[in-house]
């Protein structure tokens, strides 16, 4: 029962290690 909320168009923290693949 995992609910994630996000916006693939607002991923701006790749330089901090954010991984867009998590939501994609």
PDBML (XML) file of the C-alpha atoms, coordinates in Angstrom:
<?xml version="1.0" encoding="UTF-8" ?>
<PDBx:datablock datablockName="MODEL"
   xmlns:PDBx="http://pdbml.pdb.org/schema/pdbx-v50.xsd"
   xmlns:xsi="http://www.w3.org/2001/XMLSchema-instance"
   xsi:schemaLocation="http://pdbml.pdb.org/schema/pdbx-v50.xsd pdbx-v50.xsd">
   <PDBx:atom_siteCategory>
      <PDBx:atom_site id="1">
         <PDBx:B_iso_or_equiv>0.00</PDBx:B_iso_or_equiv>
         <PDBx:Cartn_x>0.000</PDBx:Cartn_x>
         <PDBx:Cartn_y>0.000</PDBx:Cartn_y>
         <PDBx:Cartn_z>0.000</PDBx:Cartn_z>
         <PDBx:auth_asym_id>A</PDBx:auth_asym_id>
         <PDBx:auth_atom_id>CA</PDBx:auth_atom_id>
         <PDBx:auth_comp_id>UNK</PDBx:auth_comp_id>
         <PDBx:auth_seq_id>1</PDBx:auth_seq_id>
         <PDBx:group_PDB>ATOM</PDBx:group_PDB>
         <PDBx:label_alt_id xsi:nil="true" />
         <PDBx:label_asym_id>A</PDBx:label_asym_id>
         <PDBx:label_atom_id>CA</PDBx:label_atom_id>
         <PDBx:label_comp_id>UNK</PDBx:label_comp_id>
         <PDBx:label_entity_id>1</PDBx:label_entity_id>
         <PDBx:label_seq_id>1</PDBx:label_seq_id>
         <PDBx:occupancy>1.00</PDBx:occupancy>
         <PDBx:pdbx_PDB_model_num>1</PDBx:pdbx_PDB_model_num>
         <PDBx:type_symbol>C</PDBx:type_symbol>
      </PDBx:atom_site>
      <PDBx:atom_site id="2">
         <PDBx:B_iso_or_equiv>0.00</PDBx:B_iso_or_equiv>
         <PDBx:Cartn_x>2.370</PDBx:Cartn_x>
         <PDBx:Cartn_y>2.652</PDBx:Cartn_y>
         <PDBx:Cartn_z>-1.291</PDBx:Cartn_z>
         <PDBx:auth_asym_id>A</PDBx:auth_asym_id>
         <PDBx:auth_atom_id>CA</PDBx:auth_atom_id>
         <PDBx:auth_comp_id>UNK</PDBx:auth_comp_id>
         <PDBx:auth_seq_id>2</PDBx:auth_seq_id>
         <PDBx:group_PDB>ATOM</PDBx:group_PDB>
         <PDBx:label_alt_id xsi:nil="true" />
         <PDBx:label_asym_id>A</PDBx:label_asym_id>
         <PDBx:label_atom_id>CA</PDBx:label_atom_id>
         <PDBx:label_comp_id>UNK</PDBx:label_comp_id>
         <PDBx:label_entity_id>1</PDBx:label_entity_id>
         <PDBx:label_seq_id>2</PDBx:label_seq_id>
         <PDBx:occupancy>1.00</PDBx:occupancy>
         <PDBx:pdbx_PDB_model_num>1</PDBx:pdbx_PDB_model_num>
         <PDBx:type_symbol>C</PDBx:type_symbol>
      </PDBx:atom_site>
      <PDBx:atom_site id="3">
         <PDBx:B_iso_or_equiv>0.00</PDBx:B_iso_or_equiv>
         <PDBx:Cartn_x>1.079</PDBx:Cartn_x>
         <PDBx:Cartn_y>5.951</PDBx:Cartn_y>
         <PDBx:Cartn_z>-2.620</PDBx:Cartn_z>
         <PDBx:auth_asym_id>A</PDBx:auth_asym_id>
         <PDBx:auth_atom_id>CA</PDBx:auth_atom_id>
         <PDBx:auth_comp_id>UNK</PDBx:auth_comp_id>
         <PDBx:auth_seq_id>3</PDBx:auth_seq_id>
         <PDBx:group_PDB>ATOM</PDBx:group_PDB>
         <PDBx:label_alt_id xsi:nil="true" />
         <PDBx:label_asym_id>A</PDBx:label_asym_id>
         <PDBx:label_atom_id>CA</PDBx:label_atom_id>
         <PDBx:label_comp_id>UNK</PDBx:label_comp_id>
         <PDBx:label_entity_id>1</PDBx:label_entity_id>
         <PDBx:label_seq_id>3</PDBx:label_seq_id>
         <PDBx:occupancy>1.00</PDBx:occupancy>
         <PDBx:pdbx_PDB_model_num>1</PDBx:pdbx_PDB_model_num>
         <PDBx:type_symbol>C</PDBx:type_symbol>
      </PDBx:atom_site>
      <PDBx:atom_site id="4">
         <PDBx:B_iso_or_equiv>0.00</PDBx:B_iso_or_equiv>
         <PDBx:Cartn_x>3.608</PDBx:Cartn_x>
         <PDBx:Cartn_y>8.327</PDBx:Cartn_y>
         <PDBx:Cartn_z>-4.190</PDBx:Cartn_z>
         <PDBx:auth_asym_id>A</PDBx:auth_asym_id>
         <PDBx:auth_atom_id>CA</PDBx:auth_atom_id>
         <PDBx:auth_comp_id>UNK</PDBx:auth_comp_id>
         <PDBx:auth_seq_id>4</PDBx:auth_seq_id>
         <PDBx:group_PDB>ATOM</PDBx:group_PDB>
         <PDBx:label_alt_id xsi:nil="true" />
         <PDBx:label_asym_id>A</PDBx:label_asym_id>
         <PDBx:label_atom_id>CA</PDBx:label_atom_id>
         <PDBx:label_comp_id>UNK</PDBx:label_comp_id>
         <PDBx:label_entity_id>1</PDBx:label_entity_id>
         <PDBx:label_seq_id>4</PDBx:label_seq_id>
         <PDBx:occupancy>1.00</PDBx:occupancy>
         <PDBx:pdbx_PDB_model_num>1</PDBx:pdbx_PDB_model_num>
         <PDBx:type_symbol>C</PDBx:type_symbol>
      </PDBx:atom_site>
      <PDBx:atom_site id="5">
         <PDBx:B_iso_or_equiv>0.00</PDBx:B_iso_or_equiv>
         <PDBx:Cartn_x>2.813</PDBx:Cartn_x>
         <PDBx:Cartn_y>11.855</PDBx:Cartn_y>
         <PDBx:Cartn_z>-5.287</PDBx:Cartn_z>
         <PDBx:auth_asym_id>A</PDBx:auth_asym_id>
         <PDBx:auth_atom_id>CA</PDBx:auth_atom_id>
         <PDBx:auth_comp_id>UNK</PDBx:auth_comp_id>
         <PDBx:auth_seq_id>5</PDBx:auth_seq_id>
         <PDBx:group_PDB>ATOM</PDBx:group_PDB>
         <PDBx:label_alt_id xsi:nil="true" />
         <PDBx:label_asym_id>A</PDBx:label_asym_id>
         <PDBx:label_atom_id>CA</PDBx:label_atom_id>
         <PDBx:label_comp_id>UNK</PDBx:label_comp_id>
         <PDBx:label_entity_id>1</PDBx:label_entity_id>
         <PDBx:label_seq_id>5</PDBx:label_seq_id>
         <PDBx:occupancy>1.00</PDBx:occupancy>
         <PDBx:pdbx_PDB_model_num>1</PDBx:pdbx_PDB_model_num>
         <PDBx:type_symbol>C</PDBx:type_symbol>
      </PDBx:atom_site>
      <PDBx:atom_site id="6">
         <PDBx:B_iso_or_equiv>0.00</PDBx:B_iso_or_equiv>
         <PDBx:Cartn_x>5.045</PDBx:Cartn_x>
         <PDBx:Cartn_y>13.689</PDBx:Cartn_y>
         <PDBx:Cartn_z>-7.711</PDBx:Cartn_z>
         <PDBx:auth_asym_id>A</PDBx:auth_asym_id>
         <PDBx:auth_atom_id>CA</PDBx:auth_atom_id>
         <PDBx:auth_comp_id>UNK</PDBx:auth_comp_id>
         <PDBx:auth_seq_id>6</PDBx:auth_seq_id>
         <PDBx:group_PDB>ATOM</PDBx:group_PDB>
         <PDBx:label_alt_id xsi:nil="true" />
         <PDBx:label_asym_id>A</PDBx:label_asym_id>
         <PDBx:label_atom_id>CA</PDBx:label_atom_id>
         <PDBx:label_comp_id>UNK</PDBx:label_comp_id>
         <PDBx:label_entity_id>1</PDBx:label_entity_id>
         <PDBx:label_seq_id>6</PDBx:label_seq_id>
         <PDBx:occupancy>1.00</PDBx:occupancy>
         <PDBx:pdbx_PDB_model_num>1</PDBx:pdbx_PDB_model_num>
         <PDBx:type_symbol>C</PDBx:type_symbol>
      </PDBx:atom_site>
      <PDBx:atom_site id="7">
         <PDBx:B_iso_or_equiv>0.00</PDBx:B_iso_or_equiv>
         <PDBx:Cartn_x>5.490</PDBx:Cartn_x>
         <PDBx:Cartn_y>15.470</PDBx:Cartn_y>
         <PDBx:Cartn_z>-11.006</PDBx:Cartn_z>
         <PDBx:auth_asym_id>A</PDBx:auth_asym_id>
         <PDBx:auth_atom_id>CA</PDBx:auth_atom_id>
         <PDBx:auth_comp_id>UNK</PDBx:auth_comp_id>
         <PDBx:auth_seq_id>7</PDBx:auth_seq_id>
         <PDBx:group_PDB>ATOM</PDBx:group_PDB>
         <PDBx:label_alt_id xsi:nil="true" />
         <PDBx:label_asym_id>A</PDBx:label_asym_id>
         <PDBx:label_atom_id>CA</PDBx:label_atom_id>
         <PDBx:label_comp_id>UNK</PDBx:label_comp_id>
         <PDBx:label_entity_id>1</PDBx:label_entity_id>
         <PDBx:label_seq_id>7</PDBx:label_seq_id>
         <PDBx:occupancy>1.00</PDBx:occupancy>
         <PDBx:pdbx_PDB_model_num>1</PDBx:pdbx_PDB_model_num>
         <PDBx:type_symbol>C</PDBx:type_symbol>
      </PDBx:atom_site>
      <PDBx:atom_site id="8">
         <PDBx:B_iso_or_equiv>0.00</PDBx:B_iso_or_equiv>
         <PDBx:Cartn_x>7.911</PDBx:Cartn_x>
         <PDBx:Cartn_y>14.158</PDBx:Cartn_y>
         <PDBx:Cartn_z>-13.594</PDBx:Cartn_z>
         <PDBx:auth_asym_id>A</PDBx:auth_asym_id>
         <PDBx:auth_atom_id>CA</PDBx:auth_atom_id>
         <PDBx:auth_comp_id>UNK</PDBx:auth_comp_id>
         <PDBx:auth_seq_id>8</PDBx:auth_seq_id>
         <PDBx:group_PDB>ATOM</PDBx:group_PDB>
         <PDBx:label_alt_id xsi:nil="true" />
         <PDBx:label_asym_id>A</PDBx:label_asym_id>
         <PDBx:label_atom_id>CA</PDBx:label_atom_id>
         <PDBx:label_comp_id>UNK</PDBx:label_comp_id>
         <PDBx:label_entity_id>1</PDBx:label_entity_id>
         <PDBx:label_seq_id>8</PDBx:label_seq_id>
         <PDBx:occupancy>1.00</PDBx:occupancy>
         <PDBx:pdbx_PDB_model_num>1</PDBx:pdbx_PDB_model_num>
         <PDBx:type_symbol>C</PDBx:type_symbol>
      </PDBx:atom_site>
      <PDBx:atom_site id="9">
         <PDBx:B_iso_or_equiv>0.00</PDBx:B_iso_or_equiv>
         <PDBx:Cartn_x>7.973</PDBx:Cartn_x>
         <PDBx:Cartn_y>17.661</PDBx:Cartn_y>
         <PDBx:Cartn_z>-15.111</PDBx:Cartn_z>
         <PDBx:auth_asym_id>A</PDBx:auth_asym_id>
         <PDBx:auth_atom_id>CA</PDBx:auth_atom_id>
         <PDBx:auth_comp_id>UNK</PDBx:auth_comp_id>
         <PDBx:auth_seq_id>9</PDBx:auth_seq_id>
         <PDBx:group_PDB>ATOM</PDBx:group_PDB>
         <PDBx:label_alt_id xsi:nil="true" />
         <PDBx:label_asym_id>A</PDBx:label_asym_id>
         <PDBx:label_atom_id>CA</PDBx:label_atom_id>
         <PDBx:label_comp_id>UNK</PDBx:label_comp_id>
         <PDBx:label_entity_id>1</PDBx:label_entity_id>
         <PDBx:label_seq_id>9</PDBx:label_seq_id>
         <PDBx:occupancy>1.00</PDBx:occupancy>
         <PDBx:pdbx_PDB_model_num>1</PDBx:pdbx_PDB_model_num>
         <PDBx:type_symbol>C</PDBx:type_symbol>
      </PDBx:atom_site>
      <PDBx:atom_site id="10">
         <PDBx:B_iso_or_equiv>0.00</PDBx:B_iso_or_equiv>
         <PDBx:Cartn_x>9.282</PDBx:Cartn_x>
         <PDBx:Cartn_y>19.190</PDBx:Cartn_y>
         <PDBx:Cartn_z>-11.876</PDBx:Cartn_z>
         <PDBx:auth_asym_id>A</PDBx:auth_asym_id>
         <PDBx:auth_atom_id>CA</PDBx:auth_atom_id>
         <PDBx:auth_comp_id>UNK</PDBx:auth_comp_id>
         <PDBx:auth_seq_id>10</PDBx:auth_seq_id>
         <PDBx:group_PDB>ATOM</PDBx:group_PDB>
         <PDBx:label_alt_id xsi:nil="true" />
         <PDBx:label_asym_id>A</PDBx:label_asym_id>
         <PDBx:label_atom_id>CA</PDBx:label_atom_id>
         <PDBx:label_comp_id>UNK</PDBx:label_comp_id>
         <PDBx:label_entity_id>1</PDBx:label_entity_id>
         <PDBx:label_seq_id>10</PDBx:label_seq_id>
         <PDBx:occupancy>1.00</PDBx:occupancy>
         <PDBx:pdbx_PDB_model_num>1</PDBx:pdbx_PDB_model_num>
         <PDBx:type_symbol>C</PDBx:type_symbol>
      </PDBx:atom_site>
      <PDBx:atom_site id="11">
         <PDBx:B_iso_or_equiv>0.00</PDBx:B_iso_or_equiv>
         <PDBx:Cartn_x>12.347</PDBx:Cartn_x>
         <PDBx:Cartn_y>17.010</PDBx:Cartn_y>
         <PDBx:Cartn_z>-11.384</PDBx:Cartn_z>
         <PDBx:auth_asym_id>A</PDBx:auth_asym_id>
         <PDBx:auth_atom_id>CA</PDBx:auth_atom_id>
         <PDBx:auth_comp_id>UNK</PDBx:auth_comp_id>
         <PDBx:auth_seq_id>11</PDBx:auth_seq_id>
         <PDBx:group_PDB>ATOM</PDBx:group_PDB>
         <PDBx:label_alt_id xsi:nil="true" />
         <PDBx:label_asym_id>A</PDBx:label_asym_id>
         <PDBx:label_atom_id>CA</PDBx:label_atom_id>
         <PDBx:label_comp_id>UNK</PDBx:label_comp_id>
         <PDBx:label_entity_id>1</PDBx:label_entity_id>
         <PDBx:label_seq_id>11</PDBx:label_seq_id>
         <PDBx:occupancy>1.00</PDBx:occupancy>
         <PDBx:pdbx_PDB_model_num>1</PDBx:pdbx_PDB_model_num>
         <PDBx:type_symbol>C</PDBx:type_symbol>
      </PDBx:atom_site>
      <PDBx:atom_site id="12">
         <PDBx:B_iso_or_equiv>0.00</PDBx:B_iso_or_equiv>
         <PDBx:Cartn_x>15.134</PDBx:Cartn_x>
         <PDBx:Cartn_y>19.574</PDBx:Cartn_y>
         <PDBx:Cartn_z>-10.945</PDBx:Cartn_z>
         <PDBx:auth_asym_id>A</PDBx:auth_asym_id>
         <PDBx:auth_atom_id>CA</PDBx:auth_atom_id>
         <PDBx:auth_comp_id>UNK</PDBx:auth_comp_id>
         <PDBx:auth_seq_id>12</PDBx:auth_seq_id>
         <PDBx:group_PDB>ATOM</PDBx:group_PDB>
         <PDBx:label_alt_id xsi:nil="true" />
         <PDBx:label_asym_id>A</PDBx:label_asym_id>
         <PDBx:label_atom_id>CA</PDBx:label_atom_id>
         <PDBx:label_comp_id>UNK</PDBx:label_comp_id>
         <PDBx:label_entity_id>1</PDBx:label_entity_id>
         <PDBx:label_seq_id>12</PDBx:label_seq_id>
         <PDBx:occupancy>1.00</PDBx:occupancy>
         <PDBx:pdbx_PDB_model_num>1</PDBx:pdbx_PDB_model_num>
         <PDBx:type_symbol>C</PDBx:type_symbol>
      </PDBx:atom_site>
      <PDBx:atom_site id="13">
         <PDBx:B_iso_or_equiv>0.00</PDBx:B_iso_or_equiv>
         <PDBx:Cartn_x>17.368</PDBx:Cartn_x>
         <PDBx:Cartn_y>17.962</PDBx:Cartn_y>
         <PDBx:Cartn_z>-8.329</PDBx:Cartn_z>
         <PDBx:auth_asym_id>A</PDBx:auth_asym_id>
         <PDBx:auth_atom_id>CA</PDBx:auth_atom_id>
         <PDBx:auth_comp_id>UNK</PDBx:auth_comp_id>
         <PDBx:auth_seq_id>13</PDBx:auth_seq_id>
         <PDBx:group_PDB>ATOM</PDBx:group_PDB>
         <PDBx:label_alt_id xsi:nil="true" />
         <PDBx:label_asym_id>A</PDBx:label_asym_id>
         <PDBx:label_atom_id>CA</PDBx:label_atom_id>
         <PDBx:label_comp_id>UNK</PDBx:label_comp_id>
         <PDBx:label_entity_id>1</PDBx:label_entity_id>
         <PDBx:label_seq_id>13</PDBx:label_seq_id>
         <PDBx:occupancy>1.00</PDBx:occupancy>
         <PDBx:pdbx_PDB_model_num>1</PDBx:pdbx_PDB_model_num>
         <PDBx:type_symbol>C</PDBx:type_symbol>
      </PDBx:atom_site>
      <PDBx:atom_site id="14">
         <PDBx:B_iso_or_equiv>0.00</PDBx:B_iso_or_equiv>
         <PDBx:Cartn_x>19.428</PDBx:Cartn_x>
         <PDBx:Cartn_y>15.537</PDBx:Cartn_y>
         <PDBx:Cartn_z>-10.385</PDBx:Cartn_z>
         <PDBx:auth_asym_id>A</PDBx:auth_asym_id>
         <PDBx:auth_atom_id>CA</PDBx:auth_atom_id>
         <PDBx:auth_comp_id>UNK</PDBx:auth_comp_id>
         <PDBx:auth_seq_id>14</PDBx:auth_seq_id>
         <PDBx:group_PDB>ATOM</PDBx:group_PDB>
         <PDBx:label_alt_id xsi:nil="true" />
         <PDBx:label_asym_id>A</PDBx:label_asym_id>
         <PDBx:label_atom_id>CA</PDBx:label_atom_id>
         <PDBx:label_comp_id>UNK</PDBx:label_comp_id>
         <PDBx:label_entity_id>1</PDBx:label_entity_id>
         <PDBx:label_seq_id>14</PDBx:label_seq_id>
         <PDBx:occupancy>1.00</PDBx:occupancy>
         <PDBx:pdbx_PDB_model_num>1</PDBx:pdbx_PDB_model_num>
         <PDBx:type_symbol>C</PDBx:type_symbol>
      </PDBx:atom_site>
      <PDBx:atom_site id="15">
         <PDBx:B_iso_or_equiv>0.00</PDBx:B_iso_or_equiv>
         <PDBx:Cartn_x>22.543</PDBx:Cartn_x>
         <PDBx:Cartn_y>17.400</PDBx:Cartn_y>
         <PDBx:Cartn_z>-9.191</PDBx:Cartn_z>
         <PDBx:auth_asym_id>A</PDBx:auth_asym_id>
         <PDBx:auth_atom_id>CA</PDBx:auth_atom_id>
         <PDBx:auth_comp_id>UNK</PDBx:auth_comp_id>
         <PDBx:auth_seq_id>15</PDBx:auth_seq_id>
         <PDBx:group_PDB>ATOM</PDBx:group_PDB>
         <PDBx:label_alt_id xsi:nil="true" />
         <PDBx:label_asym_id>A</PDBx:label_asym_id>
         <PDBx:label_atom_id>CA</PDBx:label_atom_id>
         <PDBx:label_comp_id>UNK</PDBx:label_comp_id>
         <PDBx:label_entity_id>1</PDBx:label_entity_id>
         <PDBx:label_seq_id>15</PDBx:label_seq_id>
         <PDBx:occupancy>1.00</PDBx:occupancy>
         <PDBx:pdbx_PDB_model_num>1</PDBx:pdbx_PDB_model_num>
         <PDBx:type_symbol>C</PDBx:type_symbol>
      </PDBx:atom_site>
      <PDBx:atom_site id="16">
         <PDBx:B_iso_or_equiv>0.00</PDBx:B_iso_or_equiv>
         <PDBx:Cartn_x>21.577</PDBx:Cartn_x>
         <PDBx:Cartn_y>16.348</PDBx:Cartn_y>
         <PDBx:Cartn_z>-5.644</PDBx:Cartn_z>
         <PDBx:auth_asym_id>A</PDBx:auth_asym_id>
         <PDBx:auth_atom_id>CA</PDBx:auth_atom_id>
         <PDBx:auth_comp_id>UNK</PDBx:auth_comp_id>
         <PDBx:auth_seq_id>16</PDBx:auth_seq_id>
         <PDBx:group_PDB>ATOM</PDBx:group_PDB>
         <PDBx:label_alt_id xsi:nil="true" />
         <PDBx:label_asym_id>A</PDBx:label_asym_id>
         <PDBx:label_atom_id>CA</PDBx:label_atom_id>
         <PDBx:label_comp_id>UNK</PDBx:label_comp_id>
         <PDBx:label_entity_id>1</PDBx:label_entity_id>
         <PDBx:label_seq_id>16</PDBx:label_seq_id>
         <PDBx:occupancy>1.00</PDBx:occupancy>
         <PDBx:pdbx_PDB_model_num>1</PDBx:pdbx_PDB_model_num>
         <PDBx:type_symbol>C</PDBx:type_symbol>
      </PDBx:atom_site>
      <PDBx:atom_site id="17">
         <PDBx:B_iso_or_equiv>0.00</PDBx:B_iso_or_equiv>
         <PDBx:Cartn_x>21.167</PDBx:Cartn_x>
         <PDBx:Cartn_y>12.710</PDBx:Cartn_y>
         <PDBx:Cartn_z>-6.597</PDBx:Cartn_z>
         <PDBx:auth_asym_id>A</PDBx:auth_asym_id>
         <PDBx:auth_atom_id>CA</PDBx:auth_atom_id>
         <PDBx:auth_comp_id>UNK</PDBx:auth_comp_id>
         <PDBx:auth_seq_id>17</PDBx:auth_seq_id>
         <PDBx:group_PDB>ATOM</PDBx:group_PDB>
         <PDBx:label_alt_id xsi:nil="true" />
         <PDBx:label_asym_id>A</PDBx:label_asym_id>
         <PDBx:label_atom_id>CA</PDBx:label_atom_id>
         <PDBx:label_comp_id>UNK</PDBx:label_comp_id>
         <PDBx:label_entity_id>1</PDBx:label_entity_id>
         <PDBx:label_seq_id>17</PDBx:label_seq_id>
         <PDBx:occupancy>1.00</PDBx:occupancy>
         <PDBx:pdbx_PDB_model_num>1</PDBx:pdbx_PDB_model_num>
         <PDBx:type_symbol>C</PDBx:type_symbol>
      </PDBx:atom_site>
      <PDBx:atom_site id="18">
         <PDBx:B_iso_or_equiv>0.00</PDBx:B_iso_or_equiv>
         <PDBx:Cartn_x>17.474</PDBx:Cartn_x>
         <PDBx:Cartn_y>12.700</PDBx:Cartn_y>
         <PDBx:Cartn_z>-7.514</PDBx:Cartn_z>
         <PDBx:auth_asym_id>A</PDBx:auth_asym_id>
         <PDBx:auth_atom_id>CA</PDBx:auth_atom_id>
         <PDBx:auth_comp_id>UNK</PDBx:auth_comp_id>
         <PDBx:auth_seq_id>18</PDBx:auth_seq_id>
         <PDBx:group_PDB>ATOM</PDBx:group_PDB>
         <PDBx:label_alt_id xsi:nil="true" />
         <PDBx:label_asym_id>A</PDBx:label_asym_id>
         <PDBx:label_atom_id>CA</PDBx:label_atom_id>
         <PDBx:label_comp_id>UNK</PDBx:label_comp_id>
         <PDBx:label_entity_id>1</PDBx:label_entity_id>
         <PDBx:label_seq_id>18</PDBx:label_seq_id>
         <PDBx:occupancy>1.00</PDBx:occupancy>
         <PDBx:pdbx_PDB_model_num>1</PDBx:pdbx_PDB_model_num>
         <PDBx:type_symbol>C</PDBx:type_symbol>
      </PDBx:atom_site>
      <PDBx:atom_site id="19">
         <PDBx:B_iso_or_equiv>0.00</PDBx:B_iso_or_equiv>
         <PDBx:Cartn_x>16.625</PDBx:Cartn_x>
         <PDBx:Cartn_y>9.857</PDBx:Cartn_y>
         <PDBx:Cartn_z>-9.875</PDBx:Cartn_z>
         <PDBx:auth_asym_id>A</PDBx:auth_asym_id>
         <PDBx:auth_atom_id>CA</PDBx:auth_atom_id>
         <PDBx:auth_comp_id>UNK</PDBx:auth_comp_id>
         <PDBx:auth_seq_id>19</PDBx:auth_seq_id>
         <PDBx:group_PDB>ATOM</PDBx:group_PDB>
         <PDBx:label_alt_id xsi:nil="true" />
         <PDBx:label_asym_id>A</PDBx:label_asym_id>
         <PDBx:label_atom_id>CA</PDBx:label_atom_id>
         <PDBx:label_comp_id>UNK</PDBx:label_comp_id>
         <PDBx:label_entity_id>1</PDBx:label_entity_id>
         <PDBx:label_seq_id>19</PDBx:label_seq_id>
         <PDBx:occupancy>1.00</PDBx:occupancy>
         <PDBx:pdbx_PDB_model_num>1</PDBx:pdbx_PDB_model_num>
         <PDBx:type_symbol>C</PDBx:type_symbol>
      </PDBx:atom_site>
      <PDBx:atom_site id="20">
         <PDBx:B_iso_or_equiv>0.00</PDBx:B_iso_or_equiv>
         <PDBx:Cartn_x>13.814</PDBx:Cartn_x>
         <PDBx:Cartn_y>10.578</PDBx:Cartn_y>
         <PDBx:Cartn_z>-12.330</PDBx:Cartn_z>
         <PDBx:auth_asym_id>A</PDBx:auth_asym_id>
         <PDBx:auth_atom_id>CA</PDBx:auth_atom_id>
         <PDBx:auth_comp_id>UNK</PDBx:auth_comp_id>
         <PDBx:auth_seq_id>20</PDBx:auth_seq_id>
         <PDBx:group_PDB>ATOM</PDBx:group_PDB>
         <PDBx:label_alt_id xsi:nil="true" />
         <PDBx:label_asym_id>A</PDBx:label_asym_id>
         <PDBx:label_atom_id>CA</PDBx:label_atom_id>
         <PDBx:label_comp_id>UNK</PDBx:label_comp_id>
         <PDBx:label_entity_id>1</PDBx:label_entity_id>
         <PDBx:label_seq_id>20</PDBx:label_seq_id>
         <PDBx:occupancy>1.00</PDBx:occupancy>
         <PDBx:pdbx_PDB_model_num>1</PDBx:pdbx_PDB_model_num>
         <PDBx:type_symbol>C</PDBx:type_symbol>
      </PDBx:atom_site>
      <PDBx:atom_site id="21">
         <PDBx:B_iso_or_equiv>0.00</PDBx:B_iso_or_equiv>
         <PDBx:Cartn_x>13.680</PDBx:Cartn_x>
         <PDBx:Cartn_y>6.819</PDBx:Cartn_y>
         <PDBx:Cartn_z>-13.041</PDBx:Cartn_z>
         <PDBx:auth_asym_id>A</PDBx:auth_asym_id>
         <PDBx:auth_atom_id>CA</PDBx:auth_atom_id>
         <PDBx:auth_comp_id>UNK</PDBx:auth_comp_id>
         <PDBx:auth_seq_id>21</PDBx:auth_seq_id>
         <PDBx:group_PDB>ATOM</PDBx:group_PDB>
         <PDBx:label_alt_id xsi:nil="true" />
         <PDBx:label_asym_id>A</PDBx:label_asym_id>
         <PDBx:label_atom_id>CA</PDBx:label_atom_id>
         <PDBx:label_comp_id>UNK</PDBx:label_comp_id>
         <PDBx:label_entity_id>1</PDBx:label_entity_id>
         <PDBx:label_seq_id>21</PDBx:label_seq_id>
         <PDBx:occupancy>1.00</PDBx:occupancy>
         <PDBx:pdbx_PDB_model_num>1</PDBx:pdbx_PDB_model_num>
         <PDBx:type_symbol>C</PDBx:type_symbol>
      </PDBx:atom_site>
      <PDBx:atom_site id="22">
         <PDBx:B_iso_or_equiv>0.00</PDBx:B_iso_or_equiv>
         <PDBx:Cartn_x>12.012</PDBx:Cartn_x>
         <PDBx:Cartn_y>6.297</PDBx:Cartn_y>
         <PDBx:Cartn_z>-9.652</PDBx:Cartn_z>
         <PDBx:auth_asym_id>A</PDBx:auth_asym_id>
         <PDBx:auth_atom_id>CA</PDBx:auth_atom_id>
         <PDBx:auth_comp_id>UNK</PDBx:auth_comp_id>
         <PDBx:auth_seq_id>22</PDBx:auth_seq_id>
         <PDBx:group_PDB>ATOM</PDBx:group_PDB>
         <PDBx:label_alt_id xsi:nil="true" />
         <PDBx:label_asym_id>A</PDBx:label_asym_id>
         <PDBx:label_atom_id>CA</PDBx:label_atom_id>
         <PDBx:label_comp_id>UNK</PDBx:label_comp_id>
         <PDBx:label_entity_id>1</PDBx:label_entity_id>
         <PDBx:label_seq_id>22</PDBx:label_seq_id>
         <PDBx:occupancy>1.00</PDBx:occupancy>
         <PDBx:pdbx_PDB_model_num>1</PDBx:pdbx_PDB_model_num>
         <PDBx:type_symbol>C</PDBx:type_symbol>
      </PDBx:atom_site>
      <PDBx:atom_site id="23">
         <PDBx:B_iso_or_equiv>0.00</PDBx:B_iso_or_equiv>
         <PDBx:Cartn_x>8.820</PDBx:Cartn_x>
         <PDBx:Cartn_y>7.959</PDBx:Cartn_y>
         <PDBx:Cartn_z>-10.842</PDBx:Cartn_z>
         <PDBx:auth_asym_id>A</PDBx:auth_asym_id>
         <PDBx:auth_atom_id>CA</PDBx:auth_atom_id>
         <PDBx:auth_comp_id>UNK</PDBx:auth_comp_id>
         <PDBx:auth_seq_id>23</PDBx:auth_seq_id>
         <PDBx:group_PDB>ATOM</PDBx:group_PDB>
         <PDBx:label_alt_id xsi:nil="true" />
         <PDBx:label_asym_id>A</PDBx:label_asym_id>
         <PDBx:label_atom_id>CA</PDBx:label_atom_id>
         <PDBx:label_comp_id>UNK</PDBx:label_comp_id>
         <PDBx:label_entity_id>1</PDBx:label_entity_id>
         <PDBx:label_seq_id>23</PDBx:label_seq_id>
         <PDBx:occupancy>1.00</PDBx:occupancy>
         <PDBx:pdbx_PDB_model_num>1</PDBx:pdbx_PDB_model_num>
         <PDBx:type_symbol>C</PDBx:type_symbol>
      </PDBx:atom_site>
      <PDBx:atom_site id="24">
         <PDBx:B_iso_or_equiv>0.00</PDBx:B_iso_or_equiv>
         <PDBx:Cartn_x>9.165</PDBx:Cartn_x>
         <PDBx:Cartn_y>6.919</PDBx:Cartn_y>
         <PDBx:Cartn_z>-14.491</PDBx:Cartn_z>
         <PDBx:auth_asym_id>A</PDBx:auth_asym_id>
         <PDBx:auth_atom_id>CA</PDBx:auth_atom_id>
         <PDBx:auth_comp_id>UNK</PDBx:auth_comp_id>
         <PDBx:auth_seq_id>24</PDBx:auth_seq_id>
         <PDBx:group_PDB>ATOM</PDBx:group_PDB>
         <PDBx:label_alt_id xsi:nil="true" />
         <PDBx:label_asym_id>A</PDBx:label_asym_id>
         <PDBx:label_atom_id>CA</PDBx:label_atom_id>
         <PDBx:label_comp_id>UNK</PDBx:label_comp_id>
         <PDBx:label_entity_id>1</PDBx:label_entity_id>
         <PDBx:label_seq_id>24</PDBx:label_seq_id>
         <PDBx:occupancy>1.00</PDBx:occupancy>
         <PDBx:pdbx_PDB_model_num>1</PDBx:pdbx_PDB_model_num>
         <PDBx:type_symbol>C</PDBx:type_symbol>
      </PDBx:atom_site>
   </PDBx:atom_siteCategory>
</PDBx:datablock>
